[in-house]
C-alpha atoms as a PDB file:
ATOM      1  CA  MET A   1     -33.061 -13.443 -22.382  1.00  0.00           C
ATOM      2  CA  LYS A   2     -32.194 -17.129 -21.891  1.00  0.00           C
ATOM      3  CA  THR A   3     -30.167 -17.868 -18.797  1.00  0.00           C
ATOM      4  CA  VAL A   4     -28.828 -21.223 -17.625  1.00  0.00           C
ATOM      5  CA  ILE A   5     -27.799 -21.883 -14.055  1.00  0.00           C
ATOM      6  CA  ALA A   6     -25.091 -24.547 -13.833  1.00  0.00           C
ATOM      7  CA  ASN A   7     -24.767 -26.107 -10.395  1.00  0.00           C
ATOM      8  CA  VAL A   8     -21.384 -27.856 -10.310  1.00  0.00           C
ATOM      9  CA  ILE A   9     -20.783 -30.555  -7.735  1.00  0.00           C
ATOM     10  CA  ASN A  10     -17.178 -31.561  -7.116  1.00  0.00           C
ATOM     11  CA  ASP A  11     -14.866 -32.001  -4.158  1.00  0.00           C
ATOM     12  CA  LEU A  12     -11.930 -29.627  -4.581  1.00  0.00           C
ATOM     13  CA  ALA A  13      -9.960 -31.599  -1.980  1.00  0.00           C
ATOM     14  CA  LYS A  14      -9.932 -34.600  -4.332  1.00  0.00           C
ATOM     15  CA  ILE A  15      -8.368 -32.770  -7.286  1.00  0.00           C
ATOM     16  CA  PRO A  16      -4.673 -33.741  -7.212  1.00  0.00           C
ATOM     17  CA  ASN A  17      -3.348 -30.832  -9.301  1.00  0.00           C
ATOM     18  CA  LEU A  18      -5.690 -28.137  -7.992  1.00  0.00           C
ATOM     19  CA  GLY A  19      -2.906 -25.553  -7.645  1.00  0.00           C
ATOM     20  CA  GLU A  20      -2.051 -25.963 -11.307  1.00  0.00           C
ATOM     21  CA  LEU A  21      -5.644 -25.997 -12.554  1.00  0.00           C
ATOM     22  CA  MET A  22      -7.104 -23.118 -10.531  1.00  0.00           C
ATOM     23  CA  PRO A  23      -5.312 -20.281 -12.410  1.00  0.00           C
ATOM     24  CA  LYS A  24      -6.368 -21.861 -15.729  1.00  0.00           C
ATOM     25  CA  GLU A  25      -9.935 -22.190 -14.449  1.00  0.00           C
ATOM     26  CA  MET A  26     -10.059 -18.511 -13.466  1.00  0.00           C
ATOM     27  CA  ALA A  27      -8.521 -17.467 -16.799  1.00  0.00           C
ATOM     28  CA  ARG A  28     -11.283 -19.357 -18.632  1.00  0.00           C
ATOM     29  CA  ALA A  29     -13.918 -17.739 -16.408  1.00  0.00           C
ATOM     30  CA  THR A  30     -12.473 -14.304 -17.224  1.00  0.00           C
ATOM     31  CA  GLU A  31     -12.665 -15.056 -20.967  1.00  0.00           C
ATOM     32  CA  LEU A  32     -16.320 -16.026 -20.609  1.00  0.00           C
ATOM     33  CA  VAL A  33     -17.070 -12.840 -18.644  1.00  0.00           C
ATOM     34  CA  GLU A  34     -15.427 -10.761 -21.378  1.00  0.00           C
ATOM     35  CA  GLN A  35     -17.522 -12.597 -24.005  1.00  0.00           C
ATOM     36  CA  GLY A  36     -20.680 -11.811 -22.035  1.00  0.00           C
ATOM     37  CA  THR A  37     -21.483 -15.485 -21.434  1.00  0.00           C
ATOM     38  CA  LEU A  38     -20.603 -15.809 -17.735  1.00  0.00           C
ATOM     39  CA  LYS A  39     -22.619 -13.392 -15.614  1.00  0.00           C
ATOM     40  CA  HIS A  40     -21.957 -14.750 -12.119  1.00  0.00           C
ATOM     41  CA  LEU A  41     -19.693 -17.320 -10.491  1.00  0.00           C
ATOM     42  CA  PHE A  42     -20.357 -18.388  -6.918  1.00  0.00           C
ATOM     43  CA  ILE A  43     -17.941 -20.733  -5.129  1.00  0.00           C
ATOM     44  CA  LYS A  44     -19.721 -22.874  -2.562  1.00  0.00           C
ATOM     45  CA  ASP A  45     -18.698 -22.284   1.059  1.00  0.00           C
ATOM     46  CA  ASP A  46     -18.156 -26.004   1.631  1.00  0.00           C
ATOM     47  CA  HIS A  47     -15.684 -26.214  -1.314  1.00  0.00           C
ATOM     48  CA  MET A  48     -17.942 -28.775  -2.975  1.00  0.00           C
ATOM     49  CA  GLY A  49     -18.400 -26.928  -6.245  1.00  0.00           C
ATOM     50  CA  ALA A  50     -19.732 -23.738  -7.730  1.00  0.00           C
ATOM     51  CA  VAL A  51     -22.819 -22.169  -9.249  1.00  0.00           C
ATOM     52  CA  LEU A  52     -22.453 -20.364 -12.564  1.00  0.00           C
ATOM     53  CA  VAL A  53     -24.997 -18.120 -14.251  1.00  0.00           C
ATOM     54  CA  LEU A  54     -24.605 -18.271 -18.028  1.00  0.00           C
ATOM     55  CA  ALA A  55     -26.388 -15.747 -20.254  1.00  0.00           C
ATOM     56  CA  ASN A  56     -27.761 -16.032 -23.786  1.00  0.00           C
ATOM     57  CA  VAL A  57     -27.323 -19.809 -23.989  1.00  0.00           C
ATOM     58  CA  ASN A  58     -29.622 -22.809 -23.905  1.00  0.00           C
ATOM     59  CA  ALA A  59     -28.856 -25.997 -21.961  1.00  0.00           C
ATOM     60  CA  GLU A  60     -26.944 -27.642 -24.825  1.00  0.00           C
ATOM     61  CA  GLU A  61     -24.776 -24.557 -25.348  1.00  0.00           C
ATOM     62  CA  ALA A  62     -24.221 -24.325 -21.584  1.00  0.00           C
ATOM     63  CA  LYS A  63     -22.915 -27.902 -21.576  1.00  0.00           C
ATOM     64  CA  LYS A  64     -20.342 -26.970 -24.218  1.00  0.00           C
ATOM     65  CA  VAL A  65     -19.309 -23.918 -22.193  1.00  0.00           C
ATOM     66  CA  MET A  66     -18.873 -26.028 -19.063  1.00  0.00           C
ATOM     67  CA  GLU A  67     -16.810 -28.610 -20.978  1.00  0.00           C
ATOM     68  CA  SER A  68     -14.360 -25.805 -21.832  1.00  0.00           C
ATOM     69  CA  PHE A  69     -13.276 -25.427 -18.195  1.00  0.00           C
ATOM     70  CA  PRO A  70      -9.943 -27.108 -17.349  1.00  0.00           C
ATOM     71  CA  MET A  71     -11.464 -28.725 -14.248  1.00  0.00           C
ATOM     72  CA  PHE A  72     -14.386 -30.222 -16.185  1.00  0.00           C
ATOM     73  CA  PRO A  73     -13.001 -33.800 -16.007  1.00  0.00           C
ATOM     74  CA  HIS A  74     -13.103 -33.510 -12.199  1.00  0.00           C
ATOM     75  CA  PHE A  75     -16.732 -32.344 -11.984  1.00  0.00           C
ATOM     76  CA  GLN A  76     -18.795 -35.093 -10.360  1.00  0.00           C
ATOM     77  CA  GLU A  77     -22.086 -33.685 -11.604  1.00  0.00           C
ATOM     78  CA  ILE A  78     -23.542 -30.565 -13.201  1.00  0.00           C
ATOM     79  CA  ILE A  79     -27.218 -29.760 -12.802  1.00  0.00           C
ATOM     80  CA  TYR A  80     -28.474 -27.420 -15.526  1.00  0.00           C
ATOM     81  CA  THR A  81     -31.547 -25.236 -15.053  1.00  0.00           C
ATOM     82  CA  GLU A  82     -32.832 -23.187 -17.990  1.00  0.00           C
ATOM     83  CA  THR A  83     -34.527 -19.960 -16.978  1.00  0.00           C
ATOM     84  CA  GLU A  84     -36.119 -16.980 -18.643  1.00  0.00           C
ATOM     85  CA  GLN A  85     -35.144 -13.699 -16.990  1.00  0.00           C
ATOM     86  CA  SER A  86     -38.235 -11.590 -16.429  1.00  0.00           C
ATOM     87  CA  PHE A  87     -36.740  -8.409 -14.927  1.00  0.00           C
END
């Protein structure tokens, strides 16, 4: 099974309309969970981003998934790591 880890770097404190975007962001995450694409979502303790585990996608598909998040324009960087789950 192909898995991509997306390490999102962004400063939540610098997003001017965070209160408006956060419910939309969580709704999109829920859709991806229901589709079986998003397996895990970890919010960083320092509020400087998140780590997402995306299943059954390659790096190019993962980029498209990440672009579908409402906060995507505010992401400073996303580091993609393709993995192969062994067990």
